[in-house]
Amino acid sequence: MPIIQWYPGHMAKAIRQVEEKLKLVDVVFELVDARIPVSSRNPMIESVIKDKPHLLILTKADLADPQETQRWLEYFRKNGDHAVALNSKEPSTEKIILKHTRAILADKLENWESRGIKKTEIKSMCIGIPNVGKSTLLNHLVNKKVAITGDRPGVTKKQQWLKSRQGLYLLDTPGILWPKFEDQSVGSKLAFTGAIKDNLYANDDVALFGLQIFSEKYRNGLMERYHLTDEDFDQPLPELLLLITQKLGMRDDYDRASQRILLDARKDKLGRFNLDFVEELNDRGDD
């Protein structure tokens, strides 16, 4: 499996900025990709936010396997997390987030009311890895394009305060990755879904990684998109990649075909999928 190196200096700076601003907010919105809700969860965030109330938001739920998303929500809630899955562009998004936020902050809101504090606005911080959908969510919440979006990591470069239509104050932060993978498959999952810049990995390595999972769990998406048969999956994965390359009319340019596979997966042309599975945690004995 390829070793993917990444942790640019601006991410270390972003961590320090989050630590500095944390005291200004009432709640943290931690965004993860619903397709890889564990692999896209920065292990540094827990130590940074400490006991600050927080809501785990599984973004891009419209791209994820709905059955797996439900399993993950049950898993997170069982383990004490407030969690919700969203398609950030749905009209009900802000209502859902506010409902969960008020439930998390119920004691604090009640305390404010009992003390006669007229404060009605809630201040929140949005945090997560690059390309997890923070900007898309924020633009929807404020009903205008104030956060830059893009299907690539590293779009948000600085922190900025935004205000939602219903008075929720939101601090946008740059995507933050962590310094080192303990499990290299995490890097491949992040690369496959677009959380790592394309020039940091080999397209064919990551495409082959994805083909392995799709061959086992989401074969129909590959069959429909690339006109494959069940028999085609009997061959080794490199041969399957070459076959797809030929069917795409790219002769033997498997690197170009690998790029196409990655883009097709990210743009929902292979169907809804997950790369993280609750059953894997159960097999390892994790709670």
C-alpha atoms as a PDB file:
ATOM      1  CA  MET A   1       0.000   0.000   0.000  1.00  0.00           C
ATOM      2  CA  PRO A   2       1.384   3.446  -0.910  1.00  0.00           C
ATOM      3  CA  ILE A   3       2.759   5.696   1.819  1.00  0.00           C
ATOM      4  CA  ILE A   4       1.100   9.106   1.540  1.00  0.00           C
ATOM      5  CA  GLN A   5       2.906  12.037   3.132  1.00  0.00           C
ATOM      6  CA  TRP A   6       1.201  15.362   3.757  1.00  0.00           C
ATOM      7  CA  TYR A   7       0.929  17.701   6.806  1.00  0.00           C
ATOM      8  CA  PRO A   8       1.881  21.129   5.457  1.00  0.00           C
ATOM      9  CA  GLY A   9       2.824  23.855   7.916  1.00  0.00           C
ATOM     10  CA  HIS A  10      -0.420  25.800   7.579  1.00  0.00           C
ATOM     11  CA  MET A  11      -2.272  22.919   9.231  1.00  0.00           C
ATOM     12  CA  ALA A  12      -0.161  23.190  12.375  1.00  0.00           C
ATOM     13  CA  LYS A  13      -0.990  26.892  12.389  1.00  0.00           C
ATOM     14  CA  ALA A  14      -4.692  26.101  11.953  1.00  0.00           C
ATOM     15  CA  ILE A  15      -4.611  23.845  15.034  1.00  0.00           C
ATOM     16  CA  ARG A  16      -3.182  26.691  17.112  1.00  0.00           C
ATOM     17  CA  GLN A  17      -5.865  29.069  15.829  1.00  0.00           C
ATOM     18  CA  VAL A  18      -8.603  26.601  16.757  1.00  0.00           C
ATOM     19  CA  GLU A  19      -7.206  26.292  20.275  1.00  0.00           C
ATOM     20  CA  GLU A  20      -7.154  30.068  20.605  1.00  0.00           C
ATOM     21  CA  LYS A  21     -10.738  30.587  19.405  1.00  0.00           C
ATOM     22  CA  LEU A  22     -12.299  27.618  21.180  1.00  0.00           C
ATOM     23  CA  LYS A  23     -13.092  29.647  24.297  1.00  0.00           C
ATOM     24  CA  LEU A  24     -15.267  31.992  22.205  1.00  0.00           C
ATOM     25  CA  VAL A  25     -17.744  29.328  21.089  1.00  0.00           C
ATOM     26  CA  ASP A  26     -20.536  27.403  22.792  1.00  0.00           C
ATOM     27  CA  VAL A  27     -20.402  24.299  20.622  1.00  0.00           C
ATOM     28  CA  VAL A  28     -18.149  22.624  18.052  1.00  0.00           C
ATOM     29  CA  PHE A  29     -19.522  21.149  14.840  1.00  0.00           C
ATOM     30  CA  GLU A  30     -17.146  18.347  13.894  1.00  0.00           C
ATOM     31  CA  LEU A  31     -17.675  17.400  10.254  1.00  0.00           C
ATOM     32  CA  VAL A  32     -16.760  13.977   8.876  1.00  0.00           C
ATOM     33  CA  ASP A  33     -17.403  12.382   5.497  1.00  0.00           C
ATOM     34  CA  ALA A  34     -20.290   9.901   5.809  1.00  0.00           C
ATOM     35  CA  ARG A  35     -18.489   7.573   3.371  1.00  0.00           C
ATOM     36  CA  ILE A  36     -15.459   7.361   5.691  1.00  0.00           C
ATOM     37  CA  PRO A  37     -16.726   8.590   9.078  1.00  0.00           C
ATOM     38  CA  VAL A  38     -13.818   7.115  11.041  1.00  0.00           C
ATOM     39  CA  SER A  39     -11.013   7.645   8.532  1.00  0.00           C
ATOM     40  CA  SER A  40     -12.050  11.290   8.068  1.00  0.00           C
ATOM     41  CA  ARG A  41     -12.211  11.947  11.805  1.00  0.00           C
ATOM     42  CA  ASN A  42      -9.046  13.767  12.829  1.00  0.00           C
ATOM     43  CA  PRO A  43      -7.696  12.052  15.979  1.00  0.00           C
ATOM     44  CA  MET A  44      -6.138  15.377  17.071  1.00  0.00           C
ATOM     45  CA  ILE A  45      -9.525  17.082  17.344  1.00  0.00           C
ATOM     46  CA  GLU A  46     -10.603  15.238  20.484  1.00  0.00           C
ATOM     47  CA  SER A  47      -7.560  16.463  22.398  1.00  0.00           C
ATOM     48  CA  VAL A  48      -8.047  20.003  21.062  1.00  0.00           C
ATOM     49  CA  ILE A  49     -11.751  20.476  21.846  1.00  0.00           C
ATOM     50  CA  LYS A  50     -11.532  18.531  25.142  1.00  0.00           C
ATOM     51  CA  ASP A  51     -14.865  18.851  27.009  1.00  0.00           C
ATOM     52  CA  LYS A  52     -16.401  21.479  24.726  1.00  0.00           C
ATOM     53  CA  PRO A  53     -19.931  20.375  23.680  1.00  0.00           C
ATOM     54  CA  HIS A  54     -19.871  19.143  20.129  1.00  0.00           C
ATOM     55  CA  LEU A  55     -22.056  17.724  17.394  1.00  0.00           C
ATOM     56  CA  LEU A  56     -20.666  15.133  14.990  1.00  0.00           C
ATOM     57  CA  ILE A  57     -22.044  15.867  11.514  1.00  0.00           C
ATOM     58  CA  LEU A  58     -21.756  13.181   8.849  1.00  0.00           C
ATOM     59  CA  THR A  59     -21.674  15.231   5.651  1.00  0.00           C
ATOM     60  CA  LYS A  60     -22.226  14.048   2.078  1.00  0.00           C
ATOM     61  CA  ALA A  61     -24.790  11.542   3.318  1.00  0.00           C
ATOM     62  CA  ASP A  62     -26.371  11.691  -0.142  1.00  0.00           C
ATOM     63  CA  LEU A  63     -23.193  10.069  -1.530  1.00  0.00           C
ATOM     64  CA  ALA A  64     -22.882   7.401   1.173  1.00  0.00           C
ATOM     65  CA  ASP A  65     -24.433   3.960   1.473  1.00  0.00           C
ATOM     66  CA  PRO A  66     -27.627   4.720   3.473  1.00  0.00           C
ATOM     67  CA  GLN A  67     -27.562   1.427   5.368  1.00  0.00           C
ATOM     68  CA  GLU A  68     -23.969   1.989   6.443  1.00  0.00           C
ATOM     69  CA  THR A  69     -24.781   5.573   7.448  1.00  0.00           C
ATOM     70  CA  GLN A  70     -27.517   4.326   9.757  1.00  0.00           C
ATOM     71  CA  ARG A  71     -25.133   1.787  11.278  1.00  0.00           C
ATOM     72  CA  TRP A  72     -22.581   4.524  11.891  1.00  0.00           C
ATOM     73  CA  LEU A  73     -25.119   6.821  13.539  1.00  0.00           C
ATOM     74  CA  GLU A  74     -26.128   4.021  15.878  1.00  0.00           C
ATOM     75  CA  TYR A  75     -22.459   3.285  16.603  1.00  0.00           C
ATOM     76  CA  PHE A  76     -21.566   6.903  17.410  1.00  0.00           C
ATOM     77  CA  ARG A  77     -24.643   7.481  19.549  1.00  0.00           C
ATOM     78  CA  LYS A  78     -23.985   4.251  21.435  1.00  0.00           C
ATOM     79  CA  ASN A  79     -20.513   5.591  22.189  1.00  0.00           C
ATOM     80  CA  GLY A  80     -21.834   8.860  23.583  1.00  0.00           C
ATOM     81  CA  ASP A  81     -21.539  11.163  20.565  1.00  0.00           C
ATOM     82  CA  HIS A  82     -24.315  13.469  19.419  1.00  0.00           C
ATOM     83  CA  ALA A  83     -24.373  12.570  15.726  1.00  0.00           C
ATOM     84  CA  VAL A  84     -26.445  13.447  12.679  1.00  0.00           C
ATOM     85  CA  ALA A  85     -26.116  12.674   8.950  1.00  0.00           C
ATOM     86  CA  LEU A  86     -26.850  15.405   6.409  1.00  0.00           C
ATOM     87  CA  ASN A  87     -27.013  16.340   2.784  1.00  0.00           C
ATOM     88  CA  SER A  88     -25.874  19.913   3.396  1.00  0.00           C
ATOM     89  CA  LYS A  89     -27.913  21.293   0.501  1.00  0.00           C
ATOM     90  CA  GLU A  90     -31.289  20.115   1.808  1.00  0.00           C
ATOM     91  CA  PRO A  91     -33.679  22.905   2.961  1.00  0.00           C
ATOM     92  CA  SER A  92     -34.100  21.259   6.371  1.00  0.00           C
ATOM     93  CA  THR A  93     -30.361  21.344   7.162  1.00  0.00           C
ATOM     94  CA  GLU A  94     -30.335  24.376   9.472  1.00  0.00           C
ATOM     95  CA  LYS A  95     -33.457  23.248  11.321  1.00  0.00           C
ATOM     96  CA  ILE A  96     -31.881  19.852  11.977  1.00  0.00           C
ATOM     97  CA  ILE A  97     -28.595  21.341  13.183  1.00  0.00           C
ATOM     98  CA  LEU A  98     -30.334  23.838  15.469  1.00  0.00           C
ATOM     99  CA  LYS A  99     -32.510  21.106  16.962  1.00  0.00           C
ATOM    100  CA  HIS A 100     -29.476  18.994  17.850  1.00  0.00           C
ATOM    101  CA  THR A 101     -27.476  22.016  19.011  1.00  0.00           C
ATOM    102  CA  ARG A 102     -30.193  23.163  21.414  1.00  0.00           C
ATOM    103  CA  ALA A 103     -30.463  19.630  22.790  1.00  0.00           C
ATOM    104  CA  ILE A 104     -26.702  19.539  23.409  1.00  0.00           C
ATOM    105  CA  LEU A 105     -26.749  22.989  25.044  1.00  0.00           C
ATOM    106  CA  ALA A 106     -30.044  22.512  26.903  1.00  0.00           C
ATOM    107  CA  ASP A 107     -28.509  23.029  30.365  1.00  0.00           C
ATOM    108  CA  LYS A 108     -26.605  26.144  29.292  1.00  0.00           C
ATOM    109  CA  LEU A 109     -29.639  27.652  27.564  1.00  0.00           C
ATOM    110  CA  GLU A 110     -31.761  26.961  30.621  1.00  0.00           C
ATOM    111  CA  ASN A 111     -29.124  28.575  32.821  1.00  0.00           C
ATOM    112  CA  TRP A 112     -29.081  31.711  30.667  1.00  0.00           C
ATOM    113  CA  GLU A 113     -32.863  31.919  30.836  1.00  0.00           C
ATOM    114  CA  SER A 114     -32.972  31.422  34.613  1.00  0.00           C
ATOM    115  CA  ARG A 115     -30.459  34.247  35.067  1.00  0.00           C
ATOM    116  CA  GLY A 116     -32.472  36.547  32.827  1.00  0.00           C
ATOM    117  CA  ILE A 117     -29.758  36.653  30.184  1.00  0.00           C
ATOM    118  CA  LYS A 118     -31.270  37.805  26.917  1.00  0.00           C
ATOM    119  CA  LYS A 119     -28.525  36.206  24.870  1.00  0.00           C
ATOM    120  CA  THR A 120     -30.154  34.297  22.039  1.00  0.00           C
ATOM    121  CA  GLU A 121     -27.320  33.716  19.603  1.00  0.00           C
ATOM    122  CA  ILE A 122     -25.295  30.515  19.751  1.00  0.00           C
ATOM    123  CA  LYS A 123     -21.664  30.628  18.675  1.00  0.00           C
ATOM    124  CA  SER A 124     -20.243  27.565  16.993  1.00  0.00           C
ATOM    125  CA  MET A 125     -17.032  26.437  15.348  1.00  0.00           C
ATOM    126  CA  CYS A 126     -16.944  24.224  12.231  1.00  0.00           C
ATOM    127  CA  ILE A 127     -13.963  21.903  12.169  1.00  0.00           C
ATOM    128  CA  GLY A 128     -12.914  18.941  10.045  1.00  0.00           C
ATOM    129  CA  ILE A 129     -10.448  17.654   7.479  1.00  0.00           C
ATOM    130  CA  PRO A 130     -10.074  19.245   4.012  1.00  0.00           C
ATOM    131  CA  ASN A 131     -12.858  18.715   1.468  1.00  0.00           C
ATOM    132  CA  VAL A 132     -15.294  17.343   4.030  1.00  0.00           C
ATOM    133  CA  GLY A 133     -17.978  19.848   2.999  1.00  0.00           C
ATOM    134  CA  LYS A 134     -17.601  22.669   5.519  1.00  0.00           C
ATOM    135  CA  SER A 135     -17.899  25.447   2.946  1.00  0.00           C
ATOM    136  CA  THR A 136     -20.924  23.850   1.272  1.00  0.00           C
ATOM    137  CA  LEU A 137     -22.681  23.551   4.633  1.00  0.00           C
ATOM    138  CA  LEU A 138     -21.838  27.105   5.665  1.00  0.00           C
ATOM    139  CA  ASN A 139     -22.980  28.614   2.370  1.00  0.00           C
ATOM    140  CA  HIS A 140     -26.296  26.837   2.758  1.00  0.00           C
ATOM    141  CA  LEU A 141     -26.736  27.968   6.357  1.00  0.00           C
ATOM    142  CA  VAL A 142     -26.126  31.636   5.524  1.00  0.00           C
ATOM    143  CA  ASN A 143     -28.000  31.391   2.205  1.00  0.00           C
ATOM    144  CA  LYS A 144     -25.238  32.947   0.147  1.00  0.00           C
ATOM    145  CA  LYS A 145     -21.789  32.142  -1.148  1.00  0.00           C
ATOM    146  CA  VAL A 146     -19.536  33.448   1.607  1.00  0.00           C
ATOM    147  CA  ALA A 147     -17.287  30.388   1.924  1.00  0.00           C
ATOM    148  CA  ILE A 148     -15.320  29.188  -1.077  1.00  0.00           C
ATOM    149  CA  THR A 149     -16.221  25.673  -2.203  1.00  0.00           C
ATOM    150  CA  GLY A 150     -14.450  23.236  -4.453  1.00  0.00           C
ATOM    151  CA  ASP A 151     -14.068  19.532  -5.132  1.00  0.00           C
ATOM    152  CA  ARG A 152     -10.508  19.594  -3.849  1.00  0.00           C
ATOM    153  CA  PRO A 153      -8.844  19.908  -0.439  1.00  0.00           C
ATOM    154  CA  GLY A 154      -7.402  23.078   1.023  1.00  0.00           C
ATOM    155  CA  VAL A 155      -9.922  25.602  -0.321  1.00  0.00           C
ATOM    156  CA  THR A 156     -10.590  27.385   2.995  1.00  0.00           C
ATOM    157  CA  LYS A 157      -7.415  29.245   3.981  1.00  0.00           C
ATOM    158  CA  LYS A 158      -8.455  31.315   6.989  1.00  0.00           C
ATOM    159  CA  GLN A 159     -10.959  31.534   9.815  1.00  0.00           C
ATOM    160  CA  GLN A 160     -14.051  33.696   9.364  1.00  0.00           C
ATOM    161  CA  TRP A 161     -17.247  34.388  11.322  1.00  0.00           C
ATOM    162  CA  LEU A 162     -20.558  33.856   9.516  1.00  0.00           C
ATOM    163  CA  LYS A 163     -24.192  34.221  10.625  1.00  0.00           C
ATOM    164  CA  SER A 164     -26.942  31.832   9.623  1.00  0.00           C
ATOM    165  CA  ARG A 165     -30.443  32.903   8.675  1.00  0.00           C
ATOM    166  CA  GLN A 166     -31.731  31.872  12.107  1.00  0.00           C
ATOM    167  CA  GLY A 167     -29.018  33.647  14.105  1.00  0.00           C
ATOM    168  CA  LEU A 168     -26.502  30.854  14.539  1.00  0.00           C
ATOM    169  CA  TYR A 169     -22.973  32.271  14.542  1.00  0.00           C
ATOM    170  CA  LEU A 170     -20.446  30.045  12.791  1.00  0.00           C
ATOM    171  CA  LEU A 171     -16.661  30.207  12.784  1.00  0.00           C
ATOM    172  CA  ASP A 172     -15.297  28.586   9.643  1.00  0.00           C
ATOM    173  CA  THR A 173     -11.829  27.044   9.925  1.00  0.00           C
ATOM    174  CA  PRO A 174      -9.397  25.586   7.380  1.00  0.00           C
ATOM    175  CA  GLY A 175      -9.392  21.828   6.965  1.00  0.00           C
ATOM    176  CA  ILE A 176      -6.984  20.186   9.375  1.00  0.00           C
ATOM    177  CA  LEU A 177      -5.189  16.905   8.747  1.00  0.00           C
ATOM    178  CA  TRP A 178      -3.009  15.072  11.230  1.00  0.00           C
ATOM    179  CA  PRO A 179       0.750  14.420  10.900  1.00  0.00           C
ATOM    180  CA  LYS A 180       0.988  10.677  10.415  1.00  0.00           C
ATOM    181  CA  PHE A 181      -1.142   7.665   9.505  1.00  0.00           C
ATOM    182  CA  GLU A 182      -1.034   4.762  11.904  1.00  0.00           C
ATOM    183  CA  ASP A 183      -2.912   2.788   9.242  1.00  0.00           C
ATOM    184  CA  GLN A 184      -1.973   3.445   5.615  1.00  0.00           C
ATOM    185  CA  SER A 185      -5.416   2.329   4.437  1.00  0.00           C
ATOM    186  CA  VAL A 186      -6.727   5.540   6.034  1.00  0.00           C
ATOM    187  CA  GLY A 187      -4.562   7.536   3.613  1.00  0.00           C
ATOM    188  CA  SER A 188      -5.929   5.572   0.669  1.00  0.00           C
ATOM    189  CA  LYS A 189      -9.517   6.185   1.785  1.00  0.00           C
ATOM    190  CA  LEU A 190      -8.875   9.901   2.192  1.00  0.00           C
ATOM    191  CA  ALA A 191      -7.228  10.037  -1.226  1.00  0.00           C
ATOM    192  CA  PHE A 192     -10.034   8.073  -2.890  1.00  0.00           C
ATOM    193  CA  THR A 193     -12.697  10.469  -1.606  1.00  0.00           C
ATOM    194  CA  GLY A 194     -10.661  13.598  -2.431  1.00  0.00           C
ATOM    195  CA  ALA A 195      -9.412  14.772   0.968  1.00  0.00           C
ATOM    196  CA  ILE A 196      -5.745  14.753  -0.074  1.00  0.00           C
ATOM    197  CA  LYS A 197      -4.270  16.718  -2.950  1.00  0.00           C
ATOM    198  CA  ASP A 198      -3.877  14.646  -6.114  1.00  0.00           C
ATOM    199  CA  ASN A 199      -0.146  15.264  -6.455  1.00  0.00           C
ATOM    200  CA  LEU A 200       0.597  13.463  -3.184  1.00  0.00           C
ATOM    201  CA  TYR A 201      -0.297   9.956  -4.343  1.00  0.00           C
ATOM    202  CA  ALA A 202      -0.267   7.638  -7.354  1.00  0.00           C
ATOM    203  CA  ASN A 203      -3.672   7.496  -9.019  1.00  0.00           C
ATOM    204  CA  ASP A 204      -3.422   3.814  -9.919  1.00  0.00           C
ATOM    205  CA  ASP A 205      -2.534   2.763  -6.341  1.00  0.00           C
ATOM    206  CA  VAL A 206      -5.582   4.550  -4.953  1.00  0.00           C
ATOM    207  CA  ALA A 207      -7.868   3.410  -7.785  1.00  0.00           C
ATOM    208  CA  LEU A 208      -6.828  -0.218  -7.202  1.00  0.00           C
ATOM    209  CA  PHE A 209      -7.548   0.212  -3.494  1.00  0.00           C
ATOM    210  CA  GLY A 210     -11.055   1.448  -4.306  1.00  0.00           C
ATOM    211  CA  LEU A 211     -11.639  -1.261  -6.906  1.00  0.00           C
ATOM    212  CA  GLN A 212     -10.940  -3.894  -4.263  1.00  0.00           C
ATOM    213  CA  ILE A 213     -13.730  -2.581  -2.019  1.00  0.00           C
ATOM    214  CA  PHE A 214     -16.138  -1.926  -4.882  1.00  0.00           C
ATOM    215  CA  SER A 215     -15.526  -5.427  -6.280  1.00  0.00           C
ATOM    216  CA  GLU A 216     -16.552  -6.899  -2.937  1.00  0.00           C
ATOM    217  CA  LYS A 217     -19.405  -4.592  -1.914  1.00  0.00           C
ATOM    218  CA  TYR A 218     -20.544  -2.325  -4.768  1.00  0.00           C
ATOM    219  CA  ARG A 219     -19.897  -4.367  -7.894  1.00  0.00           C
ATOM    220  CA  ASN A 220     -23.075  -3.266  -9.671  1.00  0.00           C
ATOM    221  CA  GLY A 221     -21.861   0.341  -9.854  1.00  0.00           C
ATOM    222  CA  LEU A 222     -18.693  -0.732 -11.655  1.00  0.00           C
ATOM    223  CA  MET A 223     -20.592  -3.094 -13.947  1.00  0.00           C
ATOM    224  CA  GLU A 224     -23.067  -0.449 -15.059  1.00  0.00           C
ATOM    225  CA  ARG A 225     -20.538   2.357 -15.470  1.00  0.00           C
ATOM    226  CA  TYR A 226     -17.826   0.383 -17.272  1.00  0.00           C
ATOM    227  CA  HIS A 227     -19.906  -2.349 -18.942  1.00  0.00           C
ATOM    228  CA  LEU A 228     -18.353  -5.199 -16.988  1.00  0.00           C
ATOM    229  CA  THR A 229     -19.602  -8.732 -16.313  1.00  0.00           C
ATOM    230  CA  ASP A 230     -19.302 -10.881 -13.206  1.00  0.00           C
ATOM    231  CA  GLU A 231     -16.624 -12.920 -14.967  1.00  0.00           C
ATOM    232  CA  ASP A 232     -14.461  -9.831 -15.338  1.00  0.00           C
ATOM    233  CA  PHE A 233     -14.020  -9.747 -11.568  1.00  0.00           C
ATOM    234  CA  ASP A 234     -12.367 -13.183 -11.512  1.00  0.00           C
ATOM    235  CA  GLN A 235      -9.077 -11.686 -12.715  1.00  0.00           C
ATOM    236  CA  PRO A 236      -6.473  -9.873 -10.576  1.00  0.00           C
ATOM    237  CA  LEU A 237      -7.225  -6.215  -9.840  1.00  0.00           C
ATOM    238  CA  PRO A 238      -4.436  -4.817 -12.074  1.00  0.00           C
ATOM    239  CA  GLU A 239      -5.933  -6.753 -14.992  1.00  0.00           C
ATOM    240  CA  LEU A 240      -9.386  -5.417 -14.121  1.00  0.00           C
ATOM    241  CA  LEU A 241      -7.999  -1.876 -14.158  1.00  0.00           C
ATOM    242  CA  LEU A 242      -6.470  -2.489 -17.597  1.00  0.00           C
ATOM    243  CA  LEU A 243      -9.791  -3.867 -18.844  1.00  0.00           C
ATOM    244  CA  ILE A 244     -11.617  -0.759 -17.616  1.00  0.00           C
ATOM    245  CA  THR A 245      -8.924   1.363 -19.291  1.00  0.00           C
ATOM    246  CA  GLN A 246      -9.625  -0.347 -22.606  1.00  0.00           C
ATOM    247  CA  LYS A 247     -13.391  -0.103 -22.217  1.00  0.00           C
ATOM    248  CA  LEU A 248     -12.979   3.655 -21.617  1.00  0.00           C
ATOM    249  CA  GLY A 249     -11.129   3.888 -24.936  1.00  0.00           C
ATOM    250  CA  MET A 250      -7.877   4.883 -23.252  1.00  0.00           C
ATOM    251  CA  ARG A 251      -5.789   2.010 -24.712  1.00  0.00           C
ATOM    252  CA  ASP A 252      -3.151   1.246 -22.059  1.00  0.00           C
ATOM    253  CA  ASP A 253      -3.204   4.627 -20.289  1.00  0.00           C
ATOM    254  CA  TYR A 254      -4.182   3.139 -16.941  1.00  0.00           C
ATOM    255  CA  ASP A 255      -3.145   6.292 -15.049  1.00  0.00           C
ATOM    256  CA  ARG A 256      -5.718   8.329 -16.963  1.00  0.00           C
ATOM    257  CA  ALA A 257      -8.308   5.608 -16.389  1.00  0.00           C
ATOM    258  CA  SER A 258      -7.459   5.620 -12.695  1.00  0.00           C
ATOM    259  CA  GLN A 259      -8.166   9.355 -12.579  1.00  0.00           C
ATOM    260  CA  ARG A 260     -11.518   8.718 -14.251  1.00  0.00           C
ATOM    261  CA  ILE A 261     -12.434   6.053 -11.690  1.00  0.00           C
ATOM    262  CA  LEU A 262     -11.617   8.412  -8.813  1.00  0.00           C
ATOM    263  CA  LEU A 263     -13.648  11.240 -10.350  1.00  0.00           C
ATOM    264  CA  ASP A 264     -16.564   8.937 -11.145  1.00  0.00           C
ATOM    265  CA  ALA A 265     -16.653   7.707  -7.544  1.00  0.00           C
ATOM    266  CA  ARG A 266     -16.500  11.225  -6.102  1.00  0.00           C
ATOM    267  CA  LYS A 267     -19.223  12.488  -8.439  1.00  0.00           C
ATOM    268  CA  ASP A 268     -21.671   9.671  -7.581  1.00  0.00           C
ATOM    269  CA  LYS A 269     -21.348   7.978 -10.990  1.00  0.00           C
ATOM    270  CA  LEU A 270     -20.562   4.617  -9.401  1.00  0.00           C
ATOM    271  CA  GLY A 271     -23.431   4.792  -6.926  1.00  0.00           C
ATOM    272  CA  ARG A 272     -23.514   5.487  -3.204  1.00  0.00           C
ATOM    273  CA  PHE A 273     -20.748   3.778  -1.261  1.00  0.00           C
ATOM    274  CA  ASN A 274     -18.747   3.542   1.947  1.00  0.00           C
ATOM    275  CA  LEU A 275     -15.111   2.689   2.541  1.00  0.00           C
ATOM    276  CA  ASP A 276     -15.439   2.548   6.351  1.00  0.00           C
ATOM    277  CA  PHE A 277     -17.652  -0.170   7.823  1.00  0.00           C
ATOM    278  CA  VAL A 278     -18.857  -0.678  11.381  1.00  0.00           C
ATOM    279  CA  GLU A 279     -18.313  -4.415  11.003  1.00  0.00           C
ATOM    280  CA  GLU A 280     -14.581  -3.793  10.607  1.00  0.00           C
ATOM    281  CA  LEU A 281     -14.470  -2.199  14.054  1.00  0.00           C
ATOM    282  CA  ASN A 282     -16.448  -5.089  15.482  1.00  0.00           C
ATOM    283  CA  ASP A 283     -14.026  -7.566  13.887  1.00  0.00           C
ATOM    284  CA  ARG A 284     -11.115  -5.762  15.588  1.00  0.00           C
ATOM    285  CA  GLY A 285     -12.969  -5.790  18.894  1.00  0.00           C
ATOM    286  CA  ASP A 286     -13.395  -2.006  19.064  1.00  0.00           C
ATOM    287  CA  ASP A 287     -16.374  -0.710  21.043  1.00  0.00           C
END
